[in-house]
Amino acid sequence: MDMDMGDMGGMDMSHASVMHMVFQNSVTTSLYSDSWTPKTAGAYAGTIIFLIILGVVFRLLLAGKALAEERWLNAEMKRRYVVVQGKLPVAEQVSSDSLSKKMTLTENGVEENVVVVQKTKTQPRPWRMSVDPVRAILDTCIAGVSYLLMLAVMTMNVGYFIAVLGGTFIGSLLVGRFYSSEH
């Protein structure tokens, strides 16, 4: 069965975009769609600036999520717990726990008797309306921005690639201290 490559099985190739497999430096590389194709050096520079800003926004989102997670955890640790009839209060549970150890804590010459408890397993935190929808929105925004950055790099345009790296660098320089490097 001989097939003409120009035919491509009835597909119209007039609107097909070219997928480069090596880095190239064309200033007319489309970004995200055919309508976003820089025609001039100024439009290309604007696209580069957009990608740098998008890289910074990505790092800002990561830092914002880390700060929000820390704030949510601190709020959870400060919650007041109610004593339920029939259950031991936390102080009694701790003192009767087999993993608890009574020790003396000394600071600035003041001694205090304390109970040190080792936690054996991590319990999942409860679902909270004030926390989990915001966490989901942040995760969705982070995923969306990271996919947009990935698509820019996949154009194999050197300028776009360097702009994404530059935006990541600037963003990490500005807010990198607020989050652990998990992405």
N, C-alpha and C. Protein backbone atom coordinates (compact mmCIF):
# COMPACT_ATOMS: atom_id res chain seq x y z
N MET A 1 0.85 -1.16 0.00
CA MET A 1 0.00 0.00 0.00
C MET A 1 0.90 1.23 0.00
N ASP A 2 0.97 1.92 -1.09
CA ASP A 2 1.82 3.10 -1.24
C ASP A 2 1.00 4.34 -0.90
N MET A 3 1.53 5.15 0.05
CA MET A 3 0.79 6.33 0.46
C MET A 3 1.66 7.55 0.24
N ASP A 4 1.13 8.54 -0.40
CA ASP A 4 1.83 9.79 -0.66
C ASP A 4 1.87 10.59 0.64
N MET A 5 3.06 11.02 1.07
CA MET A 5 3.20 11.74 2.32
C MET A 5 2.52 13.10 2.27
N GLY A 6 2.32 13.66 1.12
CA GLY A 6 1.63 14.93 0.99
C GLY A 6 0.15 14.78 1.27
N ASP A 7 -0.38 13.59 1.10
CA ASP A 7 -1.80 13.33 1.29
C ASP A 7 -2.14 13.21 2.78
N MET A 8 -1.33 12.49 3.55
CA MET A 8 -1.50 12.27 4.99
C MET A 8 -2.90 11.77 5.32
N GLY A 9 -3.41 10.91 4.53
CA GLY A 9 -4.69 10.26 4.84
C GLY A 9 -5.87 11.21 4.85
N GLY A 10 -5.87 12.21 4.03
CA GLY A 10 -7.00 13.12 3.95
C GLY A 10 -6.92 14.29 4.91
N MET A 11 -5.85 14.38 5.69
CA MET A 11 -5.73 15.51 6.62
C MET A 11 -5.24 16.74 5.88
N ASP A 12 -5.80 17.86 6.21
CA ASP A 12 -5.38 19.12 5.61
C ASP A 12 -4.12 19.60 6.34
N MET A 13 -3.01 19.69 5.66
CA MET A 13 -1.74 20.05 6.28
C MET A 13 -1.44 21.54 6.22
N SER A 14 -2.38 22.36 5.74
CA SER A 14 -2.11 23.79 5.63
C SER A 14 -2.04 24.46 6.99
N HIS A 15 -2.69 23.88 8.03
CA HIS A 15 -2.68 24.47 9.36
C HIS A 15 -1.82 23.68 10.33
N ALA A 16 -1.05 22.74 9.86
CA ALA A 16 -0.21 21.93 10.76
C ALA A 16 0.95 22.77 11.27
N SER A 17 1.23 22.67 12.56
CA SER A 17 2.36 23.39 13.11
C SER A 17 3.59 22.48 13.07
N VAL A 18 4.74 23.09 12.99
CA VAL A 18 5.99 22.35 12.88
C VAL A 18 6.49 22.05 14.28
N MET A 19 6.85 20.79 14.53
CA MET A 19 7.40 20.39 15.82
C MET A 19 8.91 20.21 15.63
N HIS A 20 9.68 21.10 16.24
CA HIS A 20 11.13 21.02 16.13
C HIS A 20 11.67 20.00 17.12
N MET A 21 12.70 19.28 16.73
CA MET A 21 13.33 18.31 17.61
C MET A 21 14.70 18.76 18.08
N VAL A 22 15.13 19.93 17.67
CA VAL A 22 16.38 20.52 18.13
C VAL A 22 16.08 21.97 18.50
N PHE A 23 16.91 22.55 19.36
CA PHE A 23 16.69 23.95 19.72
C PHE A 23 16.88 24.83 18.51
N GLN A 24 16.05 25.85 18.41
CA GLN A 24 16.15 26.81 17.32
C GLN A 24 15.95 28.20 17.90
N ASN A 25 16.30 29.22 17.14
CA ASN A 25 16.23 30.58 17.67
C ASN A 25 15.38 31.51 16.81
N SER A 26 14.35 31.00 16.22
CA SER A 26 13.46 31.81 15.39
C SER A 26 12.66 32.77 16.25
N VAL A 27 12.54 34.01 15.80
CA VAL A 27 11.73 34.99 16.54
C VAL A 27 10.26 34.89 16.19
N THR A 28 9.91 33.97 15.31
CA THR A 28 8.50 33.81 14.92
C THR A 28 7.94 32.48 15.41
N THR A 29 8.45 31.96 16.52
CA THR A 29 7.95 30.70 17.08
C THR A 29 6.63 30.94 17.80
N SER A 30 5.63 30.18 17.45
CA SER A 30 4.31 30.30 18.10
C SER A 30 4.41 29.87 19.55
N LEU A 31 3.64 30.55 20.40
CA LEU A 31 3.56 30.19 21.81
C LEU A 31 2.10 29.92 22.13
N TYR A 32 1.78 28.70 22.48
CA TYR A 32 0.46 28.24 22.91
C TYR A 32 -0.57 28.15 21.78
N SER A 33 -0.51 28.99 20.76
CA SER A 33 -1.46 28.88 19.63
C SER A 33 -0.89 29.63 18.43
N ASP A 34 -1.49 29.41 17.29
CA ASP A 34 -1.03 30.11 16.09
C ASP A 34 -1.28 31.61 16.19
N SER A 35 -2.29 32.02 16.98
CA SER A 35 -2.54 33.46 17.10
C SER A 35 -1.48 34.17 17.93
N TRP A 36 -0.73 33.41 18.72
CA TRP A 36 0.35 34.02 19.49
C TRP A 36 1.67 33.69 18.80
N THR A 37 1.88 34.29 17.66
CA THR A 37 3.12 34.11 16.91
C THR A 37 3.74 35.49 16.73
N PRO A 38 4.85 35.75 17.41
CA PRO A 38 5.49 37.06 17.26
C PRO A 38 5.92 37.29 15.82
N LYS A 39 5.61 38.46 15.30
CA LYS A 39 5.98 38.78 13.92
C LYS A 39 7.19 39.71 13.87
N THR A 40 7.44 40.43 14.98
CA THR A 40 8.56 41.37 15.03
C THR A 40 9.46 41.04 16.22
N ALA A 41 10.62 41.65 16.24
CA ALA A 41 11.54 41.45 17.37
C ALA A 41 10.92 42.00 18.66
N GLY A 42 10.16 43.08 18.58
CA GLY A 42 9.50 43.64 19.75
C GLY A 42 8.44 42.70 20.32
N ALA A 43 7.68 42.05 19.43
CA ALA A 43 6.68 41.09 19.89
C ALA A 43 7.36 39.88 20.53
N TYR A 44 8.48 39.48 19.96
CA TYR A 44 9.24 38.36 20.52
C TYR A 44 9.77 38.74 21.92
N ALA A 45 10.27 39.96 22.06
CA ALA A 45 10.76 40.43 23.37
C ALA A 45 9.61 40.47 24.38
N GLY A 46 8.42 40.88 23.94
CA GLY A 46 7.26 40.88 24.82
C GLY A 46 6.89 39.48 25.28
N THR A 47 7.02 38.51 24.37
CA THR A 47 6.75 37.11 24.72
C THR A 47 7.77 36.61 25.72
N ILE A 48 9.03 36.99 25.53
CA ILE A 48 10.10 36.61 26.46
C ILE A 48 9.81 37.19 27.84
N ILE A 49 9.42 38.46 27.90
CA ILE A 49 9.10 39.11 29.17
C ILE A 49 7.93 38.41 29.84
N PHE A 50 6.91 38.05 29.05
CA PHE A 50 5.76 37.31 29.60
C PHE A 50 6.22 36.00 30.24
N LEU A 51 7.09 35.27 29.56
CA LEU A 51 7.56 33.99 30.10
C LEU A 51 8.39 34.17 31.37
N ILE A 52 9.18 35.23 31.43
CA ILE A 52 9.94 35.51 32.64
C ILE A 52 8.97 35.78 33.80
N ILE A 53 7.95 36.59 33.55
CA ILE A 53 6.96 36.91 34.58
C ILE A 53 6.21 35.64 34.98
N LEU A 54 5.88 34.79 34.02
CA LEU A 54 5.18 33.54 34.33
C LEU A 54 6.05 32.63 35.20
N GLY A 55 7.35 32.60 34.95
CA GLY A 55 8.27 31.82 35.79
C GLY A 55 8.32 32.36 37.21
N VAL A 56 8.31 33.69 37.35
CA VAL A 56 8.30 34.32 38.68
C VAL A 56 6.98 33.99 39.38
N VAL A 57 5.87 34.08 38.66
CA VAL A 57 4.56 33.77 39.24
C VAL A 57 4.52 32.33 39.73
N PHE A 58 5.14 31.41 39.00
CA PHE A 58 5.19 30.01 39.42
C PHE A 58 5.87 29.89 40.78
N ARG A 59 7.01 30.55 40.95
CA ARG A 59 7.73 30.49 42.22
C ARG A 59 6.96 31.21 43.33
N LEU A 60 6.27 32.30 42.99
CA LEU A 60 5.44 32.99 43.98
C LEU A 60 4.30 32.09 44.45
N LEU A 61 3.70 31.35 43.54
CA LEU A 61 2.63 30.42 43.92
C LEU A 61 3.16 29.32 44.84
N LEU A 62 4.34 28.79 44.54
CA LEU A 62 4.92 27.76 45.41
C LEU A 62 5.20 28.32 46.81
N ALA A 63 5.74 29.53 46.87
CA ALA A 63 6.02 30.14 48.16
C ALA A 63 4.72 30.45 48.90
N GLY A 64 3.72 30.94 48.18
CA GLY A 64 2.43 31.22 48.79
C GLY A 64 1.78 29.99 49.37
N LYS A 65 1.88 28.88 48.65
CA LYS A 65 1.31 27.63 49.16
C LYS A 65 2.06 27.16 50.40
N ALA A 66 3.38 27.26 50.39
CA ALA A 66 4.16 26.84 51.55
C ALA A 66 3.82 27.69 52.77
N LEU A 67 3.68 28.99 52.58
CA LEU A 67 3.32 29.87 53.70
C LEU A 67 1.91 29.58 54.20
N ALA A 68 0.99 29.31 53.27
CA ALA A 68 -0.38 28.98 53.67
C ALA A 68 -0.42 27.66 54.44
N GLU A 69 0.33 26.66 53.98
CA GLU A 69 0.38 25.37 54.68
C GLU A 69 0.93 25.55 56.09
N GLU A 70 1.96 26.38 56.24
CA GLU A 70 2.53 26.64 57.55
C GLU A 70 1.50 27.33 58.45
N ARG A 71 0.80 28.31 57.90
CA ARG A 71 -0.22 29.03 58.67
C ARG A 71 -1.35 28.10 59.08
N TRP A 72 -1.78 27.22 58.17
CA TRP A 72 -2.86 26.28 58.48
C TRP A 72 -2.43 25.30 59.57
N LEU A 73 -1.19 24.83 59.49
CA LEU A 73 -0.69 23.90 60.50
C LEU A 73 -0.59 24.58 61.87
N ASN A 74 -0.09 25.82 61.89
CA ASN A 74 -0.02 26.56 63.15
C ASN A 74 -1.40 26.78 63.75
N ALA A 75 -2.37 27.12 62.90
CA ALA A 75 -3.74 27.32 63.39
C ALA A 75 -4.31 26.01 63.95
N GLU A 76 -3.99 24.90 63.28
CA GLU A 76 -4.49 23.61 63.75
C GLU A 76 -3.87 23.25 65.10
N MET A 77 -2.60 23.56 65.28
CA MET A 77 -1.94 23.24 66.54
C MET A 77 -2.45 24.10 67.69
N LYS A 78 -2.97 25.28 67.38
CA LYS A 78 -3.47 26.18 68.42
C LYS A 78 -4.95 25.99 68.70
N ARG A 79 -5.60 25.08 68.00
CA ARG A 79 -7.03 24.85 68.23
C ARG A 79 -7.27 24.37 69.64
N ARG A 80 -8.37 24.77 70.17
CA ARG A 80 -8.76 24.30 71.50
C ARG A 80 -9.50 22.99 71.33
N TYR A 81 -9.19 22.06 72.18
CA TYR A 81 -9.84 20.76 72.13
C TYR A 81 -10.82 20.64 73.29
N VAL A 82 -11.96 20.06 73.00
CA VAL A 82 -13.02 19.93 73.98
C VAL A 82 -12.92 18.55 74.63
N VAL A 83 -13.11 18.51 75.95
CA VAL A 83 -13.10 17.23 76.66
C VAL A 83 -14.47 16.60 76.49
N VAL A 84 -14.49 15.37 76.00
CA VAL A 84 -15.74 14.65 75.76
C VAL A 84 -15.96 13.70 76.93
N GLN A 85 -17.21 13.65 77.42
CA GLN A 85 -17.52 12.79 78.55
C GLN A 85 -17.22 11.34 78.19
N GLY A 86 -16.54 10.65 79.08
CA GLY A 86 -16.21 9.25 78.84
C GLY A 86 -14.83 9.06 78.24
N LYS A 87 -14.17 10.15 77.82
CA LYS A 87 -12.82 10.06 77.26
C LYS A 87 -11.86 10.77 78.21
N LEU A 88 -10.65 10.25 78.27
CA LEU A 88 -9.62 10.84 79.12
C LEU A 88 -9.16 12.18 78.54
N PRO A 89 -8.91 13.17 79.37
CA PRO A 89 -8.31 14.42 78.87
C PRO A 89 -6.90 14.14 78.33
N VAL A 90 -6.44 15.02 77.47
CA VAL A 90 -5.15 14.83 76.82
C VAL A 90 -4.03 14.68 77.85
N ALA A 91 -4.06 15.46 78.92
CA ALA A 91 -3.00 15.39 79.93
C ALA A 91 -2.93 14.00 80.56
N GLU A 92 -4.08 13.40 80.82
CA GLU A 92 -4.09 12.06 81.41
C GLU A 92 -3.68 11.01 80.40
N GLN A 93 -4.07 11.20 79.13
CA GLN A 93 -3.65 10.27 78.09
C GLN A 93 -2.14 10.27 77.96
N VAL A 94 -1.54 11.45 77.99
CA VAL A 94 -0.10 11.59 77.84
C VAL A 94 0.63 10.94 79.00
N SER A 95 0.15 11.19 80.22
CA SER A 95 0.85 10.64 81.38
C SER A 95 0.74 9.13 81.47
N SER A 96 -0.34 8.56 80.93
CA SER A 96 -0.50 7.11 80.98
C SER A 96 0.03 6.41 79.74
N ASP A 97 0.51 7.16 78.77
CA ASP A 97 1.03 6.59 77.52
C ASP A 97 2.33 5.86 77.80
N SER A 98 2.48 4.67 77.19
CA SER A 98 3.69 3.88 77.42
C SER A 98 4.93 4.51 76.78
N LEU A 99 4.74 5.38 75.79
CA LEU A 99 5.88 6.02 75.13
C LEU A 99 6.27 7.34 75.79
N SER A 100 5.53 7.76 76.82
CA SER A 100 5.86 9.03 77.48
C SER A 100 6.97 8.82 78.50
N LYS A 101 7.81 9.84 78.64
CA LYS A 101 8.92 9.79 79.60
C LYS A 101 8.92 11.09 80.39
N LYS A 102 9.03 10.97 81.69
CA LYS A 102 9.11 12.15 82.54
C LYS A 102 10.55 12.61 82.57
N MET A 103 10.75 13.91 82.32
CA MET A 103 12.09 14.48 82.29
C MET A 103 12.08 15.84 82.96
N THR A 104 13.27 16.35 83.19
CA THR A 104 13.41 17.68 83.75
C THR A 104 14.03 18.58 82.70
N LEU A 105 13.38 19.70 82.45
CA LEU A 105 13.85 20.67 81.47
C LEU A 105 14.44 21.85 82.24
N THR A 106 15.68 22.20 81.90
CA THR A 106 16.34 23.31 82.58
C THR A 106 16.66 24.39 81.57
N GLU A 107 16.24 25.62 81.89
CA GLU A 107 16.56 26.75 81.02
C GLU A 107 16.79 27.97 81.89
N ASN A 108 17.92 28.61 81.74
CA ASN A 108 18.29 29.80 82.51
C ASN A 108 18.20 29.55 84.01
N GLY A 109 18.59 28.37 84.46
CA GLY A 109 18.60 28.06 85.87
C GLY A 109 17.24 27.65 86.44
N VAL A 110 16.21 27.64 85.62
CA VAL A 110 14.88 27.27 86.08
C VAL A 110 14.60 25.84 85.63
N GLU A 111 14.23 25.00 86.57
CA GLU A 111 13.93 23.60 86.25
C GLU A 111 12.42 23.41 86.19
N GLU A 112 11.99 22.59 85.24
CA GLU A 112 10.57 22.30 85.11
C GLU A 112 10.41 20.83 84.75
N ASN A 113 9.49 20.16 85.41
CA ASN A 113 9.21 18.77 85.09
C ASN A 113 8.28 18.72 83.88
N VAL A 114 8.67 17.94 82.90
CA VAL A 114 7.88 17.83 81.66
C VAL A 114 7.69 16.36 81.33
N VAL A 115 6.73 16.10 80.45
CA VAL A 115 6.50 14.75 79.94
C VAL A 115 6.78 14.80 78.44
N VAL A 116 7.70 13.98 77.98
CA VAL A 116 8.06 13.91 76.56
C VAL A 116 7.34 12.71 75.97
N VAL A 117 6.62 12.94 74.89
CA VAL A 117 5.85 11.88 74.26
C VAL A 117 6.34 11.69 72.84
N GLN A 118 6.53 10.45 72.46
CA GLN A 118 6.94 10.13 71.10
C GLN A 118 5.70 9.75 70.31
N LYS A 119 5.52 10.37 69.16
CA LYS A 119 4.38 10.08 68.30
C LYS A 119 4.75 8.90 67.41
N THR A 120 3.94 7.86 67.42
CA THR A 120 4.28 6.64 66.67
C THR A 120 3.81 6.67 65.24
N LYS A 121 2.69 7.33 64.96
CA LYS A 121 2.22 7.38 63.58
C LYS A 121 1.59 8.73 63.30
N THR A 122 1.57 9.09 62.05
CA THR A 122 1.00 10.36 61.64
C THR A 122 -0.45 10.15 61.26
N GLN A 123 -1.31 10.95 61.82
CA GLN A 123 -2.72 10.86 61.48
C GLN A 123 -3.03 11.91 60.42
N PRO A 124 -3.87 11.57 59.45
CA PRO A 124 -4.23 12.58 58.45
C PRO A 124 -5.04 13.70 59.11
N ARG A 125 -4.80 14.89 58.65
CA ARG A 125 -5.54 16.01 59.19
C ARG A 125 -6.97 15.97 58.67
N PRO A 126 -7.93 16.45 59.45
CA PRO A 126 -9.32 16.41 59.00
C PRO A 126 -9.55 17.39 57.85
N TRP A 127 -10.58 17.10 57.04
CA TRP A 127 -10.96 17.98 55.94
C TRP A 127 -11.58 19.23 56.53
N ARG A 128 -11.14 20.40 56.08
CA ARG A 128 -11.68 21.66 56.59
C ARG A 128 -12.10 22.53 55.41
N MET A 129 -13.31 23.09 55.53
CA MET A 129 -13.85 23.95 54.48
C MET A 129 -13.00 25.22 54.31
N SER A 130 -12.38 25.67 55.39
CA SER A 130 -11.58 26.89 55.33
C SER A 130 -10.19 26.67 54.73
N VAL A 131 -9.77 25.41 54.59
CA VAL A 131 -8.41 25.11 54.17
C VAL A 131 -8.36 24.37 52.83
N ASP A 132 -9.08 23.27 52.73
CA ASP A 132 -8.90 22.37 51.59
C ASP A 132 -9.33 22.93 50.24
N PRO A 133 -10.42 23.70 50.12
CA PRO A 133 -10.71 24.30 48.81
C PRO A 133 -9.62 25.29 48.36
N VAL A 134 -9.09 26.06 49.31
CA VAL A 134 -8.01 27.00 48.98
C VAL A 134 -6.77 26.23 48.54
N ARG A 135 -6.46 25.12 49.25
CA ARG A 135 -5.33 24.28 48.88
C ARG A 135 -5.52 23.72 47.47
N ALA A 136 -6.72 23.28 47.15
CA ALA A 136 -7.01 22.73 45.83
C ALA A 136 -6.86 23.79 44.74
N ILE A 137 -7.33 25.00 45.01
CA ILE A 137 -7.19 26.10 44.03
C ILE A 137 -5.72 26.42 43.81
N LEU A 138 -4.95 26.50 44.90
CA LEU A 138 -3.51 26.77 44.77
C LEU A 138 -2.81 25.67 43.97
N ASP A 139 -3.12 24.41 44.28
CA ASP A 139 -2.50 23.30 43.53
C ASP A 139 -2.88 23.35 42.06
N THR A 140 -4.11 23.69 41.76
CA THR A 140 -4.56 23.78 40.36
C THR A 140 -3.84 24.91 39.64
N CYS A 141 -3.70 26.05 40.29
CA CYS A 141 -2.97 27.17 39.68
C CYS A 141 -1.50 26.81 39.45
N ILE A 142 -0.89 26.16 40.42
CA ILE A 142 0.52 25.74 40.28
C ILE A 142 0.66 24.77 39.12
N ALA A 143 -0.25 23.81 39.02
CA ALA A 143 -0.19 22.85 37.91
C ALA A 143 -0.40 23.55 36.58
N GLY A 144 -1.36 24.46 36.50
CA GLY A 144 -1.62 25.17 35.24
C GLY A 144 -0.43 26.00 34.79
N VAL A 145 0.15 26.76 35.71
CA VAL A 145 1.30 27.59 35.35
C VAL A 145 2.50 26.72 34.97
N SER A 146 2.70 25.62 35.69
CA SER A 146 3.85 24.76 35.35
C SER A 146 3.65 24.10 33.99
N TYR A 147 2.40 23.75 33.64
CA TYR A 147 2.16 23.18 32.30
C TYR A 147 2.37 24.23 31.22
N LEU A 148 1.98 25.47 31.48
CA LEU A 148 2.23 26.52 30.49
C LEU A 148 3.73 26.74 30.29
N LEU A 149 4.49 26.70 31.37
CA LEU A 149 5.95 26.83 31.25
C LEU A 149 6.54 25.65 30.48
N MET A 150 6.02 24.44 30.76
CA MET A 150 6.50 23.25 30.06
C MET A 150 6.21 23.37 28.55
N LEU A 151 5.02 23.83 28.20
CA LEU A 151 4.68 23.98 26.79
C LEU A 151 5.58 25.01 26.10
N ALA A 152 5.96 26.06 26.83
CA ALA A 152 6.87 27.05 26.25
C ALA A 152 8.23 26.43 25.97
N VAL A 153 8.72 25.60 26.89
CA VAL A 153 10.01 24.94 26.68
C VAL A 153 9.90 23.94 25.53
N MET A 154 8.76 23.29 25.39
CA MET A 154 8.59 22.28 24.35
C MET A 154 8.56 22.87 22.94
N THR A 155 8.48 24.19 22.80
CA THR A 155 8.59 24.80 21.47
C THR A 155 10.01 24.67 20.93
N MET A 156 10.95 24.33 21.81
CA MET A 156 12.37 24.18 21.48
C MET A 156 12.99 25.50 21.01
N ASN A 157 12.40 26.62 21.45
CA ASN A 157 12.95 27.93 21.15
C ASN A 157 13.92 28.29 22.27
N VAL A 158 15.14 28.61 21.91
CA VAL A 158 16.18 28.91 22.90
C VAL A 158 15.79 30.11 23.76
N GLY A 159 15.24 31.14 23.15
CA GLY A 159 14.84 32.32 23.91
C GLY A 159 13.76 32.01 24.93
N TYR A 160 12.77 31.21 24.52
CA TYR A 160 11.71 30.83 25.45
C TYR A 160 12.27 30.00 26.60
N PHE A 161 13.18 29.08 26.28
CA PHE A 161 13.79 28.22 27.28
C PHE A 161 14.56 29.04 28.31
N ILE A 162 15.37 29.97 27.82
CA ILE A 162 16.16 30.82 28.72
C ILE A 162 15.24 31.73 29.53
N ALA A 163 14.14 32.20 28.95
CA ALA A 163 13.20 33.04 29.67
C ALA A 163 12.55 32.27 30.82
N VAL A 164 12.19 31.02 30.59
CA VAL A 164 11.59 30.20 31.64
C VAL A 164 12.61 29.99 32.76
N LEU A 165 13.85 29.67 32.40
CA LEU A 165 14.90 29.51 33.41
C LEU A 165 15.16 30.81 34.15
N GLY A 166 15.17 31.92 33.42
CA GLY A 166 15.39 33.22 34.05
C GLY A 166 14.28 33.58 35.03
N GLY A 167 13.04 33.33 34.64
CA GLY A 167 11.91 33.59 35.53
C GLY A 167 11.96 32.72 36.77
N THR A 168 12.35 31.47 36.59
CA THR A 168 12.49 30.56 37.73
C THR A 168 13.60 31.05 38.67
N PHE A 169 14.70 31.49 38.08
CA PHE A 169 15.82 32.01 38.88
C PHE A 169 15.40 33.25 39.66
N ILE A 170 14.79 34.21 38.99
CA ILE A 170 14.38 35.45 39.66
C ILE A 170 13.36 35.16 40.75
N GLY A 171 12.39 34.29 40.45
CA GLY A 171 11.39 33.93 41.45
C GLY A 171 12.00 33.25 42.66
N SER A 172 12.93 32.35 42.42
CA SER A 172 13.60 31.67 43.54
C SER A 172 14.46 32.64 44.33
N LEU A 173 15.08 33.58 43.64
CA LEU A 173 15.88 34.60 44.30
C LEU A 173 15.01 35.46 45.21
N LEU A 174 13.80 35.79 44.75
CA LEU A 174 12.90 36.64 45.53
C LEU A 174 12.25 35.92 46.70
N VAL A 175 11.73 34.72 46.46
CA VAL A 175 10.91 34.05 47.48
C VAL A 175 11.32 32.61 47.77
N GLY A 176 12.46 32.19 47.29
CA GLY A 176 12.89 30.80 47.47
C GLY A 176 13.07 30.40 48.92
N ARG A 177 13.33 31.33 49.79
CA ARG A 177 13.55 31.02 51.20
C ARG A 177 12.27 30.63 51.91
N PHE A 178 11.11 30.88 51.28
CA PHE A 178 9.82 30.60 51.93
C PHE A 178 9.30 29.20 51.69
N TYR A 179 9.94 28.41 50.86
CA TYR A 179 9.44 27.06 50.59
C TYR A 179 10.60 26.11 50.37
N SER A 180 10.32 24.83 50.62
CA SER A 180 11.33 23.82 50.33
C SER A 180 11.26 23.50 48.85
N SER A 181 12.35 23.13 48.28
CA SER A 181 12.41 22.88 46.84
C SER A 181 11.82 21.53 46.52
N GLU A 182 10.51 21.49 46.34
CA GLU A 182 9.84 20.24 46.02
C GLU A 182 9.45 20.15 44.56
N HIS A 183 9.55 21.28 43.83
CA HIS A 183 9.18 21.26 42.41
C HIS A 183 10.38 21.63 41.57
